[in-house]
Amino acid sequence: MFTQPPVLKTLSAAVLVAAGGLAANHVLAEDFYEGKTIQMVVPFGEGGATYVAAKFLEPFLEKHLPGNPRVNVQTRPGGGSILGANWFAQNAEPDGETILFTTSSTSNPYVLGMDAVEYDLAAMRPAYSLPFGAVIYVSPRTGIDSPAGLKEPDMPLIYGGIAAAASDLPTLLAFELLDLDIQTVLGFDGRGPARLSFERGETNIDFQFTPAYMSQVVDMVEAGSAVPIMTGGSVGEDGVLSARDAAFPDYPSVYEVYEELYGEAPSGVEWDAFQSIGAVTFNYGLTAYLPEGTPDEILEIFEQTIAAINGDPEYQERSVNAVGGYSLLPASDVTESLSEALQPSDEVREHLRTLLSEKYDVDL
């Protein structure tokens, strides 16, 4: 009778154990979220880009996450997103059932080291990001119909935002770079309320990120009650935030508007600050964070889920109008670059801190 050598017997046993483990992990992945509810925390009010995008992604996450959990979008506005992010840091467990879905309104205060921040964003684990652009538009009452008109409007320009250190920062930095005379009113609970103020005529220059612009502003443009002027732009192959946003190829970028107004390419610390914050804001526009300590297995589940969503024909079709047609970025494409982007140069950081504290009375 044939007797298996001890080494081969041991190897076979190891293979069987490993195979059993892989099978168990496969089963675990297949039903991991069965019967569970995921709380997607949006630290803003309803109606803004983050809320719109979260609600758009909700059914696709429910469809493609293993076990088909229920996804509940929960708004926690206040403090320019800081209150909701603090709540997440204090209450979310690393079990994959609570997600912080937010923008640079949360990362900017973290980068600037603001005292109110009680969350460690770098210690959290990005699950996925949704890139997006930003469109700056004006009321036709201003008489502005092109970028050149920004220098000589028919009335004072009034902008409404959330907080200077929040997701408004790239737009405020664009205004600084272009040397525009604009009165800024801050304190809105989200981009949605800021847009409603524009519609009521209380402000006359506004911006919205791609999801909200596509769903809320395009109709205003078609009705003649809003005039698109420029976008934040996108990072080109040369690594410069100079290219046109692929979702809005007819609108010039901030970089192009500067060239039009001043006859040369932008440079200096004002440009470096805009590019640094703008790249973080747009490249990783909306990012879903899981709590510190979330196991790799859960990150892998989201990695596979994001690939499935990107390949879903329904997502590909509906995302064009909902979020500009951008594909979701999995953690493997986000984690390292996002970590680096959260660390600007000392010169840029000092410029930002000085500008925010002296011009916008931000208590850092």
Protein backbone atom coordinates (compact mmCIF):
# COMPACT_ATOMS: atom_id res chain seq x y z
CA MET A 1 0.00 0.00 0.00
CA PHE A 2 1.31 3.41 -0.93
CA THR A 3 2.25 5.61 2.05
CA GLN A 4 2.46 9.35 1.52
CA PRO A 5 5.79 10.83 2.68
CA PRO A 6 5.42 12.93 5.85
CA VAL A 7 6.45 16.17 4.08
CA LEU A 8 3.83 15.77 1.40
CA LYS A 9 1.24 14.81 4.01
CA THR A 10 2.03 17.99 5.94
CA LEU A 11 1.96 20.05 2.76
CA SER A 12 -1.39 18.59 1.77
CA ALA A 13 -2.79 19.39 5.18
CA ALA A 14 -1.50 22.96 4.92
CA VAL A 15 -3.02 23.36 1.48
CA LEU A 16 -6.35 22.06 2.74
CA VAL A 17 -6.29 24.41 5.71
CA ALA A 18 -5.39 27.36 3.47
CA ALA A 19 -8.06 26.42 0.97
CA GLY A 20 -10.56 26.10 3.77
CA GLY A 21 -9.58 29.54 5.01
CA LEU A 22 -9.94 31.04 1.55
CA ALA A 23 -13.33 29.41 1.20
CA ALA A 24 -14.38 30.73 4.57
CA ASN A 25 -13.21 34.23 3.66
CA HIS A 26 -15.06 33.97 0.36
CA VAL A 27 -18.26 33.01 2.19
CA LEU A 28 -17.67 35.81 4.68
CA ALA A 29 -17.26 38.31 1.84
CA GLU A 30 -20.39 37.07 0.11
CA ASP A 31 -22.67 37.64 3.08
CA PHE A 32 -20.65 40.11 5.13
CA TYR A 33 -23.29 42.84 5.06
CA GLU A 34 -26.36 40.62 4.99
CA GLY A 35 -29.04 42.04 7.27
CA LYS A 36 -26.91 45.08 8.18
CA THR A 37 -27.40 48.82 7.74
CA ILE A 38 -24.55 51.14 6.78
CA GLN A 39 -24.75 54.67 8.10
CA MET A 40 -23.21 57.07 5.58
CA VAL A 41 -22.54 60.23 7.55
CA VAL A 42 -22.67 63.44 5.49
CA PRO A 43 -21.49 66.37 7.66
CA PHE A 44 -23.59 68.91 5.75
CA GLY A 45 -27.25 69.76 5.25
CA GLU A 46 -29.42 68.30 2.52
CA GLY A 47 -29.20 69.62 -1.03
CA GLY A 48 -25.47 70.15 -1.45
CA ALA A 49 -23.10 68.19 -3.67
CA THR A 50 -22.10 65.75 -0.93
CA TYR A 51 -25.69 64.88 -0.09
CA VAL A 52 -26.69 64.62 -3.78
CA ALA A 53 -23.74 62.32 -4.54
CA ALA A 54 -24.36 60.21 -1.43
CA LYS A 55 -27.99 59.66 -2.39
CA PHE A 56 -26.94 58.85 -5.95
CA LEU A 57 -24.43 56.22 -4.78
CA GLU A 58 -26.78 54.76 -2.17
CA PRO A 59 -28.62 52.24 -4.41
CA PHE A 60 -25.40 51.15 -6.16
CA LEU A 61 -23.70 50.39 -2.85
CA GLU A 62 -26.80 48.46 -1.74
CA LYS A 63 -26.73 46.53 -5.01
CA HIS A 64 -23.04 45.63 -5.13
CA LEU A 65 -21.89 45.30 -1.52
CA PRO A 66 -21.94 41.62 -0.47
CA GLY A 67 -25.13 40.79 1.40
CA ASN A 68 -26.95 43.83 -0.07
CA PRO A 69 -27.13 45.96 3.06
CA ARG A 70 -29.36 48.95 3.50
CA VAL A 71 -27.44 52.25 3.15
CA ASN A 72 -28.80 55.15 5.16
CA VAL A 73 -27.52 58.65 4.36
CA GLN A 74 -27.44 60.61 7.60
CA THR A 75 -26.79 64.38 7.61
CA ARG A 76 -24.91 65.95 10.54
CA PRO A 77 -24.35 69.60 9.56
CA GLY A 78 -22.53 72.23 11.58
CA GLY A 79 -19.14 73.86 11.96
CA GLY A 80 -18.40 73.66 8.25
CA SER A 81 -18.40 69.82 8.52
CA ILE A 82 -16.21 69.69 11.64
CA LEU A 83 -19.06 68.74 14.00
CA GLY A 84 -20.10 65.76 11.88
CA ALA A 85 -16.52 64.60 11.43
CA ASN A 86 -15.88 64.91 15.18
CA TRP A 87 -19.00 62.84 15.86
CA PHE A 88 -17.76 60.18 13.44
CA ALA A 89 -14.34 60.02 15.10
CA GLN A 90 -15.90 59.67 18.53
CA ASN A 91 -18.67 57.19 17.72
CA ALA A 92 -17.92 55.10 14.60
CA GLU A 93 -16.75 51.52 15.17
CA PRO A 94 -14.22 49.87 12.79
CA ASP A 95 -16.77 47.33 11.61
CA GLY A 96 -17.50 48.74 8.16
CA GLU A 97 -20.99 49.87 9.15
CA THR A 98 -20.33 53.61 9.49
CA ILE A 99 -18.80 55.74 6.74
CA LEU A 100 -17.83 59.41 6.73
CA PHE A 101 -18.56 60.79 3.26
CA THR A 102 -17.16 64.27 2.93
CA THR A 103 -15.15 66.87 1.08
CA SER A 104 -12.21 69.19 1.62
CA SER A 105 -14.43 71.02 4.12
CA THR A 106 -13.19 68.30 6.45
CA SER A 107 -9.62 67.90 5.20
CA ASN A 108 -8.80 71.63 5.09
CA PRO A 109 -9.32 72.26 8.82
CA TYR A 110 -7.29 69.13 9.50
CA VAL A 111 -4.42 70.33 7.30
CA LEU A 112 -4.53 73.76 8.92
CA GLY A 113 -4.46 72.28 12.41
CA MET A 114 -7.59 74.06 13.63
CA ASP A 115 -8.32 73.68 17.33
CA ALA A 116 -11.92 72.54 16.75
CA VAL A 117 -10.73 69.43 14.89
CA GLU A 118 -10.98 66.32 17.06
CA TYR A 119 -10.51 63.80 14.25
CA ASP A 120 -7.33 62.33 12.80
CA LEU A 121 -8.10 62.17 9.11
CA ALA A 122 -4.74 60.64 8.20
CA ALA A 123 -5.40 57.74 10.56
CA MET A 124 -8.76 56.95 8.93
CA ARG A 125 -8.92 54.52 6.03
CA PRO A 126 -10.22 55.81 2.68
CA ALA A 127 -12.66 53.36 1.13
CA TYR A 128 -13.18 55.20 -2.18
CA SER A 129 -13.23 58.67 -3.72
CA LEU A 130 -15.41 60.35 -6.30
CA PRO A 131 -13.54 63.07 -8.19
CA PHE A 132 -15.55 66.10 -9.18
CA GLY A 133 -15.20 69.58 -10.54
CA ALA A 134 -16.56 72.95 -9.48
CA VAL A 135 -18.32 75.52 -11.63
CA ILE A 136 -18.33 79.20 -10.66
CA TYR A 137 -21.36 81.06 -12.02
CA VAL A 138 -22.93 84.50 -11.64
CA SER A 139 -26.33 86.12 -11.82
CA PRO A 140 -27.12 87.81 -15.15
CA ARG A 141 -27.98 90.90 -13.05
CA THR A 142 -24.24 91.43 -12.61
CA GLY A 143 -23.83 92.10 -16.34
CA ILE A 144 -21.06 89.51 -16.47
CA ASP A 145 -21.14 87.20 -19.48
CA SER A 146 -17.44 86.26 -19.69
CA PRO A 147 -14.42 86.04 -17.37
CA ALA A 148 -13.30 89.55 -18.38
CA GLY A 149 -16.51 90.92 -16.87
CA LEU A 150 -15.44 89.80 -13.40
CA LYS A 151 -13.26 92.92 -13.19
CA GLU A 152 -16.08 95.38 -14.04
CA PRO A 153 -19.46 94.02 -12.83
CA ASP A 154 -22.60 96.16 -12.94
CA MET A 155 -23.07 95.67 -9.19
CA PRO A 156 -20.96 94.59 -6.21
CA LEU A 157 -20.30 90.86 -6.22
CA ILE A 158 -21.56 88.95 -3.16
CA TYR A 159 -20.59 85.35 -2.48
CA GLY A 160 -22.17 83.01 0.07
CA GLY A 161 -20.33 80.06 1.57
CA ILE A 162 -19.99 77.62 4.44
CA ALA A 163 -16.66 78.53 6.01
CA ALA A 164 -13.39 79.93 4.71
CA ALA A 165 -11.44 76.86 5.80
CA ALA A 166 -14.08 74.49 4.42
CA SER A 167 -14.84 73.47 0.83
CA ASP A 168 -15.16 77.17 -0.05
CA LEU A 169 -11.39 77.52 0.26
CA PRO A 170 -10.41 76.71 -3.36
CA THR A 171 -12.98 79.20 -4.65
CA LEU A 172 -11.85 81.88 -2.20
CA LEU A 173 -8.25 81.19 -3.25
CA ALA A 174 -9.29 81.58 -6.89
CA PHE A 175 -10.83 84.96 -6.05
CA GLU A 176 -7.56 85.94 -4.32
CA LEU A 177 -5.43 84.72 -7.22
CA LEU A 178 -7.53 86.63 -9.76
CA ASP A 179 -7.60 89.71 -7.48
CA LEU A 180 -11.40 90.03 -7.59
CA ASP A 181 -13.38 92.47 -5.44
CA ILE A 182 -15.97 90.20 -3.81
CA GLN A 183 -17.90 90.52 -0.56
CA THR A 184 -18.01 87.17 1.21
CA VAL A 185 -20.82 86.03 3.51
CA LEU A 186 -20.06 82.81 5.38
CA GLY A 187 -22.00 80.60 7.77
CA PHE A 188 -24.31 78.58 5.51
CA ASP A 189 -24.91 74.95 6.54
CA GLY A 190 -24.01 73.62 3.09
CA ARG A 191 -23.70 74.40 -0.58
CA GLY A 192 -27.43 73.73 -0.96
CA PRO A 193 -28.47 76.61 1.32
CA ALA A 194 -25.86 78.81 -0.35
CA ARG A 195 -27.38 78.03 -3.74
CA LEU A 196 -30.86 78.89 -2.47
CA SER A 197 -29.52 82.27 -1.33
CA PHE A 198 -28.26 82.82 -4.88
CA GLU A 199 -31.68 81.91 -6.26
CA ARG A 200 -33.34 84.41 -3.93
CA GLY A 201 -31.01 87.16 -5.17
CA GLU A 202 -29.24 87.59 -1.83
CA THR A 203 -25.91 86.65 -3.44
CA ASN A 204 -24.90 86.93 -7.08
CA ILE A 205 -21.81 84.77 -7.50
CA ASP A 206 -21.74 81.13 -6.43
CA PHE A 207 -20.11 77.81 -7.13
CA GLN A 208 -21.37 74.27 -6.97
CA PHE A 209 -19.55 70.98 -7.24
CA THR A 210 -20.38 68.77 -10.20
CA PRO A 211 -23.19 66.66 -8.64
CA ALA A 212 -25.17 69.68 -7.44
CA TYR A 213 -24.35 71.72 -10.54
CA MET A 214 -25.64 68.98 -12.84
CA SER A 215 -28.82 68.41 -10.83
CA GLN A 216 -29.61 71.92 -9.59
CA VAL A 217 -27.88 74.62 -11.65
CA VAL A 218 -27.97 73.42 -15.26
CA ASP A 219 -31.71 74.18 -15.40
CA MET A 220 -30.99 77.68 -14.10
CA VAL A 221 -28.41 78.20 -16.84
CA GLU A 222 -30.87 77.03 -19.48
CA ALA A 223 -33.51 79.36 -18.04
CA GLY A 224 -31.12 82.29 -18.19
CA SER A 225 -30.95 82.86 -14.43
CA ALA A 226 -27.32 81.79 -14.05
CA VAL A 227 -24.23 82.36 -16.21
CA PRO A 228 -21.34 79.86 -15.95
CA ILE A 229 -17.94 81.60 -15.94
CA MET A 230 -15.20 79.07 -15.14
CA THR A 231 -14.30 75.81 -13.44
CA GLY A 232 -11.63 74.94 -10.92
CA GLY A 233 -9.94 72.96 -13.69
CA SER A 234 -8.26 69.59 -13.50
CA VAL A 235 -4.72 68.33 -13.16
CA GLY A 236 -3.15 67.78 -16.56
CA GLU A 237 -0.47 65.31 -17.58
CA ASP A 238 2.15 67.82 -16.47
CA GLY A 239 0.79 67.75 -12.92
CA VAL A 240 -0.47 71.34 -13.11
CA LEU A 241 -4.05 72.32 -12.30
CA SER A 242 -4.41 73.98 -15.68
CA ALA A 243 -6.51 71.65 -17.83
CA ARG A 244 -10.21 72.03 -18.45
CA ASP A 245 -12.60 69.89 -16.47
CA ALA A 246 -13.58 66.93 -18.68
CA ALA A 247 -17.20 67.26 -17.54
CA PHE A 248 -17.33 70.92 -18.64
CA PRO A 249 -14.97 71.26 -21.63
CA ASP A 250 -16.62 74.51 -22.77
CA TYR A 251 -15.77 76.39 -19.56
CA PRO A 252 -12.26 77.80 -19.00
CA SER A 253 -10.25 76.81 -15.94
CA VAL A 254 -9.08 79.28 -13.29
CA TYR A 255 -5.61 78.92 -14.82
CA GLU A 256 -6.94 80.00 -18.24
CA VAL A 257 -8.93 82.88 -16.76
CA TYR A 258 -5.79 84.21 -15.08
CA GLU A 259 -3.96 84.03 -18.41
CA GLU A 260 -6.83 85.90 -20.09
CA LEU A 261 -6.95 88.63 -17.45
CA TYR A 262 -3.22 89.16 -16.97
CA GLY A 263 -1.56 87.88 -20.14
CA GLU A 264 0.71 85.37 -18.39
CA ALA A 265 0.59 82.10 -16.52
CA PRO A 266 -0.12 82.28 -12.77
CA SER A 267 2.77 81.81 -10.37
CA GLY A 268 3.88 82.58 -6.83
CA VAL A 269 2.59 81.42 -3.48
CA GLU A 270 -1.00 82.49 -4.33
CA TRP A 271 -0.97 80.08 -7.26
CA ASP A 272 0.79 77.35 -5.27
CA ALA A 273 -1.85 77.65 -2.54
CA PHE A 274 -4.72 77.42 -5.03
CA GLN A 275 -3.15 74.46 -6.81
CA SER A 276 -2.39 72.61 -3.56
CA ILE A 277 -5.87 72.97 -2.08
CA GLY A 278 -7.60 72.72 -5.46
CA ALA A 279 -5.91 69.45 -6.37
CA VAL A 280 -6.97 67.86 -3.07
CA THR A 281 -10.49 69.21 -3.43
CA PHE A 282 -11.08 68.10 -7.00
CA ASN A 283 -8.95 64.95 -7.42
CA TYR A 284 -10.33 63.44 -4.20
CA GLY A 285 -13.48 65.54 -4.23
CA LEU A 286 -15.78 63.28 -2.25
CA THR A 287 -14.03 60.67 -0.15
CA ALA A 288 -15.56 57.91 1.96
CA TYR A 289 -13.57 57.29 5.14
CA LEU A 290 -13.76 54.25 7.39
CA PRO A 291 -12.64 54.50 11.03
CA GLU A 292 -9.08 53.92 12.12
CA GLY A 293 -8.50 50.22 12.72
CA THR A 294 -10.91 48.99 10.05
CA PRO A 295 -9.63 45.54 8.94
CA ASP A 296 -8.04 45.07 5.54
CA GLU A 297 -10.74 42.52 4.68
CA ILE A 298 -13.38 45.24 4.76
CA LEU A 299 -11.23 47.50 2.57
CA GLU A 300 -10.93 44.63 0.08
CA ILE A 301 -14.72 44.25 0.06
CA PHE A 302 -15.04 47.91 -0.91
CA GLU A 303 -12.26 47.53 -3.48
CA GLN A 304 -14.26 44.82 -5.25
CA THR A 305 -17.52 46.70 -4.81
CA ILE A 306 -16.18 49.89 -6.41
CA ALA A 307 -14.93 47.90 -9.41
CA ALA A 308 -18.40 46.38 -9.76
CA ILE A 309 -20.11 49.77 -9.56
CA ASN A 310 -17.79 51.29 -12.17
CA GLY A 311 -18.61 48.39 -14.46
CA ASP A 312 -22.36 48.67 -13.94
CA PRO A 313 -23.97 49.97 -17.18
CA GLU A 314 -26.69 51.70 -15.16
CA TYR A 315 -24.07 53.60 -13.13
CA GLN A 316 -22.18 54.53 -16.30
CA GLU A 317 -25.35 55.93 -17.85
CA ARG A 318 -26.80 57.72 -14.83
CA SER A 319 -23.49 59.11 -13.54
CA VAL A 320 -23.13 61.38 -16.57
CA ASN A 321 -25.97 63.63 -15.46
CA ALA A 322 -25.69 62.95 -11.73
CA VAL A 323 -21.97 63.37 -11.03
CA GLY A 324 -20.39 64.36 -14.33
CA GLY A 325 -19.58 60.81 -15.45
CA TYR A 326 -16.56 60.42 -13.18
CA SER A 327 -15.58 56.88 -12.17
CA LEU A 328 -15.16 56.03 -8.51
CA LEU A 329 -11.56 55.61 -7.32
CA PRO A 330 -10.86 52.58 -5.09
CA ALA A 331 -8.71 52.75 -1.98
CA SER A 332 -5.73 51.33 -3.87
CA ASP A 333 -5.74 54.43 -6.12
CA VAL A 334 -6.39 56.91 -3.34
CA THR A 335 -4.68 56.10 -0.04
CA GLU A 336 -1.04 56.97 -0.75
CA SER A 337 -1.66 60.07 -2.88
CA LEU A 338 -4.31 61.43 -0.53
CA SER A 339 -1.98 61.00 2.43
CA GLU A 340 0.68 63.04 0.62
CA ALA A 341 -1.83 65.70 -0.44
CA LEU A 342 -2.76 66.30 3.17
CA GLN A 343 0.79 67.62 3.77
CA PRO A 344 1.35 70.93 1.88
CA SER A 345 4.66 72.81 2.02
CA ASP A 346 5.43 75.01 5.02
CA GLU A 347 5.29 78.13 2.80
CA VAL A 348 1.83 77.28 1.49
CA ARG A 349 0.55 76.34 4.93
CA GLU A 350 1.80 79.61 6.42
CA HIS A 351 0.26 81.60 3.56
CA LEU A 352 -3.08 79.87 4.11
CA ARG A 353 -3.03 80.37 7.86
CA THR A 354 -2.18 84.07 7.48
CA LEU A 355 -4.84 84.67 4.82
CA LEU A 356 -7.55 82.86 6.75
CA SER A 357 -6.80 84.47 10.09
CA GLU A 358 -6.26 88.03 8.85
CA LYS A 359 -8.85 88.35 6.07
CA TYR A 360 -11.55 85.87 7.09
CA ASP A 361 -11.12 86.01 10.88
CA VAL A 362 -10.68 82.25 11.11
CA ASP A 363 -9.63 81.27 14.61
CA LEU A 364 -7.12 78.54 13.90
